[in-house]
Amino acid sequence: QQSARAVMMVEPNFFQFNSDAALDNAYMKEPDSADNINEQVMKEFNSLVATLEQYGIEVNRFESQEGCPDAVWPNNWIATLPNAQGVVSYSLFPMKTDNRRRERNNRNVLDFLDSRYPNGLEKDWSVENEDKNRILEGTGSLSLDHENKIAYACISERTHAALAQEWADYYRYKLVSFSATHVGKIVYHTNVIMAVGKNFVVIALDTVHEEHRESLLLQFKDTKKQVIQISSEQVSQFCGNILELSGTNSSRILAMSSQAFHAFTEAQKKQFYDLGINHIAHSDIKTLESIGGGSCRCMLAELF
């Protein structure tokens, strides 16, 4: 199935500007002062949780650990997926920065996953890869079309081409890799510029290097995905960082930040509804977006 009914979220208890991660994330802005940031980001986090729950999404929330300023983005280090035999379990991923590697040691999260998935840990991709700088940051690096078993990957320092291929081979997905540039920098995570829904794909085609555009469009056509193009400006407002989920009575919910919601044109929103999206669930998370450089999709680790 393409859309999860449940998600895991990690509270921004020790949230702060992560200078290590800012080296290749062009969307992070250092705050003028740290006053009240924690109070504000917790408010934003709670508001997003409430919004998702209102539409029938099951939210499992956990506290983060000290020394993990980016813990609010768990989709980078954990993913749940059926293996080649169709059994759902979870995998862990190699992270680029040391303080993000610590996030994988969150015992409460791991215990919860072990109890939810009897098969437990399927594979820890950080083993033998992280120390060789072979990085693959979960569903930040991989935008997944589950129904057609295609993994889209924008190659960067955080998305190692050969490791992405190994991941795809293991799970029997077809890898479609490409390169992209935005605001003069290599796009560090695929989910900044694209999102795959049940019958659509949102993508900033202008950021994709010209030699890769045609093959991507062909892939979307073959899988009957309606293409909703977003501009470079809309990427900066996190319109690519959205996620389709399954809510009450299997209603189709599109989760995004309020900044992204207001940046989509009315025509684009109509397209979503025409394609069968029942509700756009959005919440204001602008402090998290501005200082953390991520948005709604990054906060949600799907639990299949």
C-alpha atoms as a PDB file:
ATOM      1  CA  GLN A   1       0.000   0.000   0.000  1.00  0.00           C
ATOM      2  CA  GLN A   2       1.175   3.548  -0.706  1.00  0.00           C
ATOM      3  CA  SER A   3      -0.151   5.310   2.383  1.00  0.00           C
ATOM      4  CA  ALA A   4       0.378   4.485   6.044  1.00  0.00           C
ATOM      5  CA  ARG A   5      -2.399   4.780   8.641  1.00  0.00           C
ATOM      6  CA  ALA A   6       0.076   5.298  11.475  1.00  0.00           C
ATOM      7  CA  VAL A   7       3.215   7.365  12.017  1.00  0.00           C
ATOM      8  CA  MET A   8       5.968   7.721  14.550  1.00  0.00           C
ATOM      9  CA  MET A   9       7.066  11.187  15.676  1.00  0.00           C
ATOM     10  CA  VAL A  10       9.877  12.318  17.985  1.00  0.00           C
ATOM     11  CA  GLU A  11       9.471  15.403  20.158  1.00  0.00           C
ATOM     12  CA  PRO A  12      11.904  18.315  19.685  1.00  0.00           C
ATOM     13  CA  ASN A  13      12.898  18.234  23.377  1.00  0.00           C
ATOM     14  CA  PHE A  14      16.522  19.237  22.696  1.00  0.00           C
ATOM     15  CA  PHE A  15      15.919  21.050  19.428  1.00  0.00           C
ATOM     16  CA  GLN A  16      18.457  23.657  18.333  1.00  0.00           C
ATOM     17  CA  PHE A  17      20.279  24.883  15.251  1.00  0.00           C
ATOM     18  CA  ASN A  18      22.527  22.003  14.125  1.00  0.00           C
ATOM     19  CA  SER A  19      25.628  23.608  12.610  1.00  0.00           C
ATOM     20  CA  ASP A  20      26.968  20.202  11.472  1.00  0.00           C
ATOM     21  CA  ALA A  21      23.862  19.533   9.392  1.00  0.00           C
ATOM     22  CA  ALA A  22      23.758  23.100   8.055  1.00  0.00           C
ATOM     23  CA  LEU A  23      26.862  22.500   5.931  1.00  0.00           C
ATOM     24  CA  ASP A  24      24.805  20.981   3.091  1.00  0.00           C
ATOM     25  CA  ASN A  25      21.243  21.912   4.094  1.00  0.00           C
ATOM     26  CA  ALA A  26      20.525  25.256   2.432  1.00  0.00           C
ATOM     27  CA  TYR A  27      17.187  25.636   4.234  1.00  0.00           C
ATOM     28  CA  MET A  28      18.465  26.067   7.811  1.00  0.00           C
ATOM     29  CA  LYS A  29      18.709  29.540   9.329  1.00  0.00           C
ATOM     30  CA  GLU A  30      20.531  30.198  12.579  1.00  0.00           C
ATOM     31  CA  PRO A  31      18.213  32.012  15.025  1.00  0.00           C
ATOM     32  CA  ASP A  32      19.139  35.408  16.484  1.00  0.00           C
ATOM     33  CA  SER A  33      18.679  34.037  19.986  1.00  0.00           C
ATOM     34  CA  ALA A  34      17.674  30.757  21.575  1.00  0.00           C
ATOM     35  CA  ASP A  35      15.036  32.406  23.781  1.00  0.00           C
ATOM     36  CA  ASN A  36      11.748  30.516  23.904  1.00  0.00           C
ATOM     37  CA  ILE A  37      12.679  28.318  20.940  1.00  0.00           C
ATOM     38  CA  ASN A  38      11.998  25.095  22.833  1.00  0.00           C
ATOM     39  CA  GLU A  39       8.622  26.275  24.035  1.00  0.00           C
ATOM     40  CA  GLN A  40       7.694  27.386  20.520  1.00  0.00           C
ATOM     41  CA  VAL A  41       8.790  24.210  18.728  1.00  0.00           C
ATOM     42  CA  MET A  42       6.969  22.010  21.260  1.00  0.00           C
ATOM     43  CA  LYS A  43       3.839  24.061  20.597  1.00  0.00           C
ATOM     44  CA  GLU A  44       4.269  23.546  16.846  1.00  0.00           C
ATOM     45  CA  PHE A  45       4.919  19.831  17.315  1.00  0.00           C
ATOM     46  CA  ASN A  46       1.813  19.351  19.490  1.00  0.00           C
ATOM     47  CA  SER A  47      -0.290  21.285  17.016  1.00  0.00           C
ATOM     48  CA  LEU A  48       0.786  19.037  14.112  1.00  0.00           C
ATOM     49  CA  VAL A  49       0.081  15.911  16.188  1.00  0.00           C
ATOM     50  CA  ALA A  50      -3.419  17.212  17.010  1.00  0.00           C
ATOM     51  CA  THR A  51      -4.078  18.044  13.344  1.00  0.00           C
ATOM     52  CA  LEU A  52      -3.106  14.553  12.188  1.00  0.00           C
ATOM     53  CA  GLU A  53      -5.127  12.864  14.930  1.00  0.00           C
ATOM     54  CA  GLN A  54      -8.156  14.939  13.988  1.00  0.00           C
ATOM     55  CA  TYR A  55      -8.144  13.155  10.597  1.00  0.00           C
ATOM     56  CA  GLY A  56      -7.782   9.700  12.124  1.00  0.00           C
ATOM     57  CA  ILE A  57      -4.027   9.212  11.744  1.00  0.00           C
ATOM     58  CA  GLU A  58      -2.551   7.106  14.564  1.00  0.00           C
ATOM     59  CA  VAL A  59       0.374   9.089  16.001  1.00  0.00           C
ATOM     60  CA  ASN A  60       2.960   7.371  18.221  1.00  0.00           C
ATOM     61  CA  ARG A  61       5.137  10.012  19.872  1.00  0.00           C
ATOM     62  CA  PHE A  62       8.401   9.657  21.752  1.00  0.00           C
ATOM     63  CA  GLU A  63      10.723  11.935  23.677  1.00  0.00           C
ATOM     64  CA  SER A  64      14.116  12.601  22.146  1.00  0.00           C
ATOM     65  CA  GLN A  65      17.453  12.183  23.871  1.00  0.00           C
ATOM     66  CA  GLU A  66      19.888  14.844  24.931  1.00  0.00           C
ATOM     67  CA  GLY A  67      22.513  15.721  22.319  1.00  0.00           C
ATOM     68  CA  CYS A  68      20.103  15.115  19.428  1.00  0.00           C
ATOM     69  CA  PRO A  69      19.194  18.570  18.067  1.00  0.00           C
ATOM     70  CA  ASP A  70      17.589  17.124  14.901  1.00  0.00           C
ATOM     71  CA  ALA A  71      15.630  14.279  16.524  1.00  0.00           C
ATOM     72  CA  VAL A  72      12.336  15.741  15.287  1.00  0.00           C
ATOM     73  CA  TRP A  73      13.161  14.345  11.797  1.00  0.00           C
ATOM     74  CA  PRO A  74      13.036  10.556  12.449  1.00  0.00           C
ATOM     75  CA  ASN A  75      12.235   9.599   8.847  1.00  0.00           C
ATOM     76  CA  ASN A  76      15.953   9.846   8.049  1.00  0.00           C
ATOM     77  CA  TRP A  77      17.139   7.014  10.290  1.00  0.00           C
ATOM     78  CA  ILE A  78      14.203   4.619  10.454  1.00  0.00           C
ATOM     79  CA  ALA A  79      11.791   3.129   7.927  1.00  0.00           C
ATOM     80  CA  THR A  80       9.223   0.342   8.049  1.00  0.00           C
ATOM     81  CA  LEU A  81       8.618  -1.741   4.947  1.00  0.00           C
ATOM     82  CA  PRO A  82       7.621  -5.240   3.843  1.00  0.00           C
ATOM     83  CA  ASN A  83      10.717  -7.298   2.994  1.00  0.00           C
ATOM     84  CA  ALA A  84      10.980  -9.473  -0.139  1.00  0.00           C
ATOM     85  CA  GLN A  85       8.802 -12.086   1.597  1.00  0.00           C
ATOM     86  CA  GLY A  86       6.114  -9.500   2.356  1.00  0.00           C
ATOM     87  CA  VAL A  87       6.777  -9.353   6.111  1.00  0.00           C
ATOM     88  CA  VAL A  88       6.775  -5.814   7.533  1.00  0.00           C
ATOM     89  CA  SER A  89       9.727  -4.947   9.747  1.00  0.00           C
ATOM     90  CA  TYR A  90      11.981  -1.941  10.286  1.00  0.00           C
ATOM     91  CA  SER A  91      15.383  -0.856   9.005  1.00  0.00           C
ATOM     92  CA  LEU A  92      17.956   1.618  10.300  1.00  0.00           C
ATOM     93  CA  PHE A  93      19.971   3.937   8.076  1.00  0.00           C
ATOM     94  CA  PRO A  94      23.475   5.472   7.972  1.00  0.00           C
ATOM     95  CA  MET A  95      23.495   9.180   8.828  1.00  0.00           C
ATOM     96  CA  LYS A  96      25.968  11.832   7.757  1.00  0.00           C
ATOM     97  CA  THR A  97      26.525  13.728  11.029  1.00  0.00           C
ATOM     98  CA  ASP A  98      27.597  12.287  14.390  1.00  0.00           C
ATOM     99  CA  ASN A  99      24.857  13.930  16.408  1.00  0.00           C
ATOM    100  CA  ARG A 100      22.233  12.460  14.091  1.00  0.00           C
ATOM    101  CA  ARG A 101      23.754   8.975  14.411  1.00  0.00           C
ATOM    102  CA  ARG A 102      22.940   9.154  18.127  1.00  0.00           C
ATOM    103  CA  GLU A 103      19.228   9.234  17.297  1.00  0.00           C
ATOM    104  CA  ARG A 104      19.352   5.527  16.454  1.00  0.00           C
ATOM    105  CA  ASN A 105      20.060   4.773  20.139  1.00  0.00           C
ATOM    106  CA  ASN A 106      16.591   5.878  21.283  1.00  0.00           C
ATOM    107  CA  ARG A 107      15.704   2.775  23.307  1.00  0.00           C
ATOM    108  CA  ASN A 108      12.042   3.727  23.725  1.00  0.00           C
ATOM    109  CA  VAL A 109      11.593   3.931  19.961  1.00  0.00           C
ATOM    110  CA  LEU A 110      13.429   0.653  19.331  1.00  0.00           C
ATOM    111  CA  ASP A 111      11.470  -1.186  22.048  1.00  0.00           C
ATOM    112  CA  PHE A 112       8.221   0.111  20.573  1.00  0.00           C
ATOM    113  CA  LEU A 113       9.205  -1.061  17.078  1.00  0.00           C
ATOM    114  CA  ASP A 114      10.266  -4.464  18.391  1.00  0.00           C
ATOM    115  CA  SER A 115       6.871  -4.889  20.056  1.00  0.00           C
ATOM    116  CA  ARG A 116       4.934  -3.651  17.016  1.00  0.00           C
ATOM    117  CA  TYR A 117       6.847  -5.761  14.484  1.00  0.00           C
ATOM    118  CA  PRO A 118       7.401  -9.360  15.666  1.00  0.00           C
ATOM    119  CA  ASN A 119      10.181  -9.763  13.079  1.00  0.00           C
ATOM    120  CA  GLY A 120      11.995  -6.815  14.646  1.00  0.00           C
ATOM    121  CA  LEU A 121      14.973  -5.264  12.902  1.00  0.00           C
ATOM    122  CA  GLU A 122      15.222  -6.341   9.268  1.00  0.00           C
ATOM    123  CA  LYS A 123      18.557  -4.674   8.500  1.00  0.00           C
ATOM    124  CA  ASP A 124      20.839  -2.018   9.942  1.00  0.00           C
ATOM    125  CA  TRP A 125      22.265  -0.306   6.873  1.00  0.00           C
ATOM    126  CA  SER A 126      24.609   1.822   8.984  1.00  0.00           C
ATOM    127  CA  VAL A 127      26.781  -1.232   9.714  1.00  0.00           C
ATOM    128  CA  GLU A 128      29.797  -1.322   7.359  1.00  0.00           C
ATOM    129  CA  ASN A 129      28.523   1.745   5.491  1.00  0.00           C
ATOM    130  CA  GLU A 130      28.565   4.718   7.837  1.00  0.00           C
ATOM    131  CA  ASP A 131      32.279   4.528   8.637  1.00  0.00           C
ATOM    132  CA  LYS A 132      32.996   4.445   4.875  1.00  0.00           C
ATOM    133  CA  ASN A 133      30.850   7.541   4.364  1.00  0.00           C
ATOM    134  CA  ARG A 134      28.281   5.538   2.405  1.00  0.00           C
ATOM    135  CA  ILE A 135      25.218   7.443   3.572  1.00  0.00           C
ATOM    136  CA  LEU A 136      21.531   6.807   2.877  1.00  0.00           C
ATOM    137  CA  GLU A 137      19.170   8.852   5.026  1.00  0.00           C
ATOM    138  CA  GLY A 138      15.970   6.823   4.910  1.00  0.00           C
ATOM    139  CA  THR A 139      12.908   8.315   3.264  1.00  0.00           C
ATOM    140  CA  GLY A 140      14.734  11.629   3.094  1.00  0.00           C
ATOM    141  CA  SER A 141      17.032  10.033   0.511  1.00  0.00           C
ATOM    142  CA  LEU A 142      14.404   7.754  -1.037  1.00  0.00           C
ATOM    143  CA  SER A 143      11.002   8.910  -2.275  1.00  0.00           C
ATOM    144  CA  LEU A 144       9.116   5.636  -2.551  1.00  0.00           C
ATOM    145  CA  ASP A 145       6.365   4.503  -4.882  1.00  0.00           C
ATOM    146  CA  HIS A 146       5.336   1.428  -2.891  1.00  0.00           C
ATOM    147  CA  GLU A 147       2.605   0.203  -5.230  1.00  0.00           C
ATOM    148  CA  ASN A 148       4.919   0.109  -8.257  1.00  0.00           C
ATOM    149  CA  LYS A 149       8.018  -0.696  -6.182  1.00  0.00           C
ATOM    150  CA  ILE A 150      10.080   2.243  -7.439  1.00  0.00           C
ATOM    151  CA  ALA A 151      12.595   4.180  -5.338  1.00  0.00           C
ATOM    152  CA  TYR A 152      13.447   7.690  -6.526  1.00  0.00           C
ATOM    153  CA  ALA A 153      16.791   8.983  -5.281  1.00  0.00           C
ATOM    154  CA  CYS A 154      18.464  12.343  -5.769  1.00  0.00           C
ATOM    155  CA  ILE A 155      22.186  11.586  -5.417  1.00  0.00           C
ATOM    156  CA  SER A 156      24.064  13.748  -2.889  1.00  0.00           C
ATOM    157  CA  GLU A 157      26.462  13.512   0.069  1.00  0.00           C
ATOM    158  CA  ARG A 158      23.538  12.053   2.016  1.00  0.00           C
ATOM    159  CA  THR A 159      22.327   9.698  -0.721  1.00  0.00           C
ATOM    160  CA  HIS A 160      25.100   7.364  -1.865  1.00  0.00           C
ATOM    161  CA  ALA A 161      24.341   6.010  -5.352  1.00  0.00           C
ATOM    162  CA  ALA A 162      25.741   2.490  -4.883  1.00  0.00           C
ATOM    163  CA  LEU A 163      24.140   2.074  -1.459  1.00  0.00           C
ATOM    164  CA  ALA A 164      20.779   3.259  -2.810  1.00  0.00           C
ATOM    165  CA  GLN A 165      21.096   0.542  -5.462  1.00  0.00           C
ATOM    166  CA  GLU A 166      21.931  -2.091  -2.827  1.00  0.00           C
ATOM    167  CA  TRP A 167      18.881  -1.014  -0.821  1.00  0.00           C
ATOM    168  CA  ALA A 168      16.672  -1.252  -3.931  1.00  0.00           C
ATOM    169  CA  ASP A 169      18.025  -4.706  -4.822  1.00  0.00           C
ATOM    170  CA  TYR A 170      17.411  -5.943  -1.275  1.00  0.00           C
ATOM    171  CA  TYR A 171      13.793  -4.769  -1.201  1.00  0.00           C
ATOM    172  CA  ARG A 172      13.227  -5.547  -4.906  1.00  0.00           C
ATOM    173  CA  TYR A 173      12.490  -1.965  -5.862  1.00  0.00           C
ATOM    174  CA  LYS A 174      13.580  -0.390  -9.125  1.00  0.00           C
ATOM    175  CA  LEU A 175      15.967   2.497  -8.413  1.00  0.00           C
ATOM    176  CA  VAL A 176      15.516   5.676 -10.432  1.00  0.00           C
ATOM    177  CA  SER A 177      18.364   8.017  -9.533  1.00  0.00           C
ATOM    178  CA  PHE A 178      18.940  11.574 -10.693  1.00  0.00           C
ATOM    179  CA  SER A 179      20.778  14.771  -9.827  1.00  0.00           C
ATOM    180  CA  ALA A 180      19.244  18.097  -8.847  1.00  0.00           C
ATOM    181  CA  THR A 181      20.382  21.569  -7.819  1.00  0.00           C
ATOM    182  CA  HIS A 182      18.438  24.202  -5.896  1.00  0.00           C
ATOM    183  CA  VAL A 183      19.569  27.677  -4.801  1.00  0.00           C
ATOM    184  CA  GLY A 184      23.017  26.872  -6.183  1.00  0.00           C
ATOM    185  CA  LYS A 185      23.513  23.733  -4.079  1.00  0.00           C
ATOM    186  CA  ILE A 186      23.129  20.011  -4.734  1.00  0.00           C
ATOM    187  CA  VAL A 187      19.732  18.961  -3.376  1.00  0.00           C
ATOM    188  CA  TYR A 188      20.703  17.070  -0.223  1.00  0.00           C
ATOM    189  CA  HIS A 189      17.463  15.094   0.277  1.00  0.00           C
ATOM    190  CA  THR A 190      15.104  13.787  -2.394  1.00  0.00           C
ATOM    191  CA  ASN A 191      12.044  14.614  -0.288  1.00  0.00           C
ATOM    192  CA  VAL A 192      12.837  18.330  -0.469  1.00  0.00           C
ATOM    193  CA  ILE A 193      11.881  18.435  -4.146  1.00  0.00           C
ATOM    194  CA  MET A 194       9.511  15.506  -4.642  1.00  0.00           C
ATOM    195  CA  ALA A 195       6.674  13.561  -3.032  1.00  0.00           C
ATOM    196  CA  VAL A 196       4.974  10.439  -4.370  1.00  0.00           C
ATOM    197  CA  GLY A 197       1.251   9.976  -3.747  1.00  0.00           C
ATOM    198  CA  LYS A 198      -1.136   7.199  -4.752  1.00  0.00           C
ATOM    199  CA  ASN A 199      -1.878   8.665  -8.193  1.00  0.00           C
ATOM    200  CA  PHE A 200       0.306  11.765  -8.358  1.00  0.00           C
ATOM    201  CA  VAL A 201       3.828  13.011  -7.930  1.00  0.00           C
ATOM    202  CA  VAL A 202       4.789  16.497  -6.776  1.00  0.00           C
ATOM    203  CA  ILE A 203       8.175  17.486  -8.185  1.00  0.00           C
ATOM    204  CA  ALA A 204      10.290  20.559  -8.871  1.00  0.00           C
ATOM    205  CA  LEU A 205      11.359  19.500 -12.373  1.00  0.00           C
ATOM    206  CA  ASP A 206      13.317  22.723 -12.905  1.00  0.00           C
ATOM    207  CA  THR A 207      15.757  21.674 -10.172  1.00  0.00           C
ATOM    208  CA  VAL A 208      16.414  18.290 -11.822  1.00  0.00           C
ATOM    209  CA  HIS A 209      19.434  18.239 -14.138  1.00  0.00           C
ATOM    210  CA  GLU A 210      18.216  18.348 -17.721  1.00  0.00           C
ATOM    211  CA  GLU A 211      19.601  14.963 -18.763  1.00  0.00           C
ATOM    212  CA  HIS A 212      17.428  13.214 -16.133  1.00  0.00           C
ATOM    213  CA  ARG A 213      14.086  14.956 -16.675  1.00  0.00           C
ATOM    214  CA  GLU A 214      12.826  12.888 -19.576  1.00  0.00           C
ATOM    215  CA  SER A 215      13.434   9.528 -17.909  1.00  0.00           C
ATOM    216  CA  LEU A 216      11.639  10.735 -14.775  1.00  0.00           C
ATOM    217  CA  LEU A 217       8.631  11.934 -16.772  1.00  0.00           C
ATOM    218  CA  LEU A 218       8.542   8.628 -18.626  1.00  0.00           C
ATOM    219  CA  GLN A 219       8.553   6.760 -15.323  1.00  0.00           C
ATOM    220  CA  PHE A 220       5.667   8.877 -14.004  1.00  0.00           C
ATOM    221  CA  LYS A 221       3.719   8.249 -17.212  1.00  0.00           C
ATOM    222  CA  ASP A 222       4.323   4.485 -17.064  1.00  0.00           C
ATOM    223  CA  THR A 223       3.013   4.385 -13.483  1.00  0.00           C
ATOM    224  CA  LYS A 224       0.033   6.652 -14.281  1.00  0.00           C
ATOM    225  CA  LYS A 225       1.097   9.406 -11.912  1.00  0.00           C
ATOM    226  CA  GLN A 226      -0.328  12.871 -12.496  1.00  0.00           C
ATOM    227  CA  VAL A 227       2.614  15.302 -12.339  1.00  0.00           C
ATOM    228  CA  ILE A 228       2.113  18.410 -10.208  1.00  0.00           C
ATOM    229  CA  GLN A 229       5.065  20.668 -10.870  1.00  0.00           C
ATOM    230  CA  ILE A 230       6.282  23.030  -8.184  1.00  0.00           C
ATOM    231  CA  SER A 231       8.583  26.011  -8.642  1.00  0.00           C
ATOM    232  CA  SER A 232      11.967  26.646  -7.087  1.00  0.00           C
ATOM    233  CA  GLU A 233      10.280  29.210  -4.808  1.00  0.00           C
ATOM    234  CA  GLN A 234       7.709  26.622  -3.700  1.00  0.00           C
ATOM    235  CA  VAL A 235      10.551  24.230  -2.836  1.00  0.00           C
ATOM    236  CA  SER A 236      11.863  26.882  -0.420  1.00  0.00           C
ATOM    237  CA  GLN A 237       8.404  26.922   1.162  1.00  0.00           C
ATOM    238  CA  PHE A 238       8.522  23.125   1.602  1.00  0.00           C
ATOM    239  CA  CYS A 239       5.869  22.214  -0.982  1.00  0.00           C
ATOM    240  CA  GLY A 240       7.912  19.113  -1.859  1.00  0.00           C
ATOM    241  CA  ASN A 241       8.064  17.971   1.764  1.00  0.00           C
ATOM    242  CA  ILE A 242       4.557  16.557   2.022  1.00  0.00           C
ATOM    243  CA  LEU A 243       3.144  13.078   2.657  1.00  0.00           C
ATOM    244  CA  GLU A 244      -0.037  11.243   1.734  1.00  0.00           C
ATOM    245  CA  LEU A 245      -1.493   9.231   4.624  1.00  0.00           C
ATOM    246  CA  SER A 246      -4.605   7.138   5.189  1.00  0.00           C
ATOM    247  CA  GLY A 247      -7.109   8.484   7.741  1.00  0.00           C
ATOM    248  CA  THR A 248     -10.581   7.674   9.064  1.00  0.00           C
ATOM    249  CA  ASN A 249     -12.503   5.275   6.766  1.00  0.00           C
ATOM    250  CA  SER A 250      -9.427   5.115   4.487  1.00  0.00           C
ATOM    251  CA  SER A 251      -9.830   8.797   3.619  1.00  0.00           C
ATOM    252  CA  ARG A 252      -6.848  10.171   1.723  1.00  0.00           C
ATOM    253  CA  ILE A 253      -5.040  12.783   3.802  1.00  0.00           C
ATOM    254  CA  LEU A 254      -2.252  14.989   2.443  1.00  0.00           C
ATOM    255  CA  ALA A 255      -0.071  16.221   5.315  1.00  0.00           C
ATOM    256  CA  MET A 256       1.996  19.390   4.962  1.00  0.00           C
ATOM    257  CA  SER A 257       2.999  22.540   6.811  1.00  0.00           C
ATOM    258  CA  SER A 258       0.845  25.662   6.704  1.00  0.00           C
ATOM    259  CA  GLN A 259       3.696  27.441   4.911  1.00  0.00           C
ATOM    260  CA  ALA A 260       3.526  24.827   2.136  1.00  0.00           C
ATOM    261  CA  PHE A 261      -0.288  24.935   2.084  1.00  0.00           C
ATOM    262  CA  HIS A 262      -0.298  28.695   1.516  1.00  0.00           C
ATOM    263  CA  ALA A 263       2.458  28.410  -1.119  1.00  0.00           C
ATOM    264  CA  PHE A 264       0.506  25.940  -3.278  1.00  0.00           C
ATOM    265  CA  THR A 265      -1.680  27.742  -5.815  1.00  0.00           C
ATOM    266  CA  GLU A 266      -5.461  27.340  -5.692  1.00  0.00           C
ATOM    267  CA  ALA A 267      -5.228  25.450  -9.008  1.00  0.00           C
ATOM    268  CA  GLN A 268      -2.729  23.001  -7.495  1.00  0.00           C
ATOM    269  CA  LYS A 269      -4.916  22.436  -4.425  1.00  0.00           C
ATOM    270  CA  LYS A 270      -7.874  21.780  -6.732  1.00  0.00           C
ATOM    271  CA  GLN A 271      -5.716  19.208  -8.554  1.00  0.00           C
ATOM    272  CA  PHE A 272      -5.120  17.362  -5.279  1.00  0.00           C
ATOM    273  CA  TYR A 273      -8.845  17.252  -4.537  1.00  0.00           C
ATOM    274  CA  ASP A 274      -9.680  16.254  -8.123  1.00  0.00           C
ATOM    275  CA  LEU A 275      -7.181  13.386  -7.782  1.00  0.00           C
ATOM    276  CA  GLY A 276      -9.076  12.054  -4.779  1.00  0.00           C
ATOM    277  CA  ILE A 277      -7.371  13.682  -1.798  1.00  0.00           C
ATOM    278  CA  ASN A 278     -10.120  14.128   0.808  1.00  0.00           C
ATOM    279  CA  HIS A 279      -8.378  16.511   3.195  1.00  0.00           C
ATOM    280  CA  ILE A 280      -5.204  18.593   3.264  1.00  0.00           C
ATOM    281  CA  ALA A 281      -4.007  18.464   6.882  1.00  0.00           C
ATOM    282  CA  HIS A 282      -1.702  21.375   7.618  1.00  0.00           C
ATOM    283  CA  SER A 283      -0.261  23.017  10.687  1.00  0.00           C
ATOM    284  CA  ASP A 284       2.080  25.943  11.361  1.00  0.00           C
ATOM    285  CA  ILE A 285       5.596  24.617  12.061  1.00  0.00           C
ATOM    286  CA  LYS A 286       7.557  27.639  10.841  1.00  0.00           C
ATOM    287  CA  THR A 287      10.141  27.696  13.670  1.00  0.00           C
ATOM    288  CA  LEU A 288      10.969  24.032  13.066  1.00  0.00           C
ATOM    289  CA  GLU A 289      11.173  24.729   9.327  1.00  0.00           C
ATOM    290  CA  SER A 290      13.314  27.840   9.630  1.00  0.00           C
ATOM    291  CA  ILE A 291      15.862  26.615  12.194  1.00  0.00           C
ATOM    292  CA  GLY A 292      15.743  22.888  11.405  1.00  0.00           C
ATOM    293  CA  GLY A 293      15.579  23.159   7.615  1.00  0.00           C
ATOM    294  CA  GLY A 294      12.967  20.399   7.330  1.00  0.00           C
ATOM    295  CA  SER A 295       9.202  20.229   7.241  1.00  0.00           C
ATOM    296  CA  CYS A 296       6.163  18.044   7.780  1.00  0.00           C
ATOM    297  CA  ARG A 297       7.226  14.968   5.797  1.00  0.00           C
ATOM    298  CA  CYS A 298      10.556  14.735   7.638  1.00  0.00           C
ATOM    299  CA  MET A 299       8.711  14.640  10.974  1.00  0.00           C
ATOM    300  CA  LEU A 300       6.721  11.553  10.002  1.00  0.00           C
ATOM    301  CA  ALA A 301       8.176   8.049  10.007  1.00  0.00           C
ATOM    302  CA  GLU A 302       5.460   5.883   8.472  1.00  0.00           C
ATOM    303  CA  LEU A 303       4.440   2.721  10.316  1.00  0.00           C
ATOM    304  CA  PHE A 304       3.136   0.202   7.784  1.00  0.00           C
END
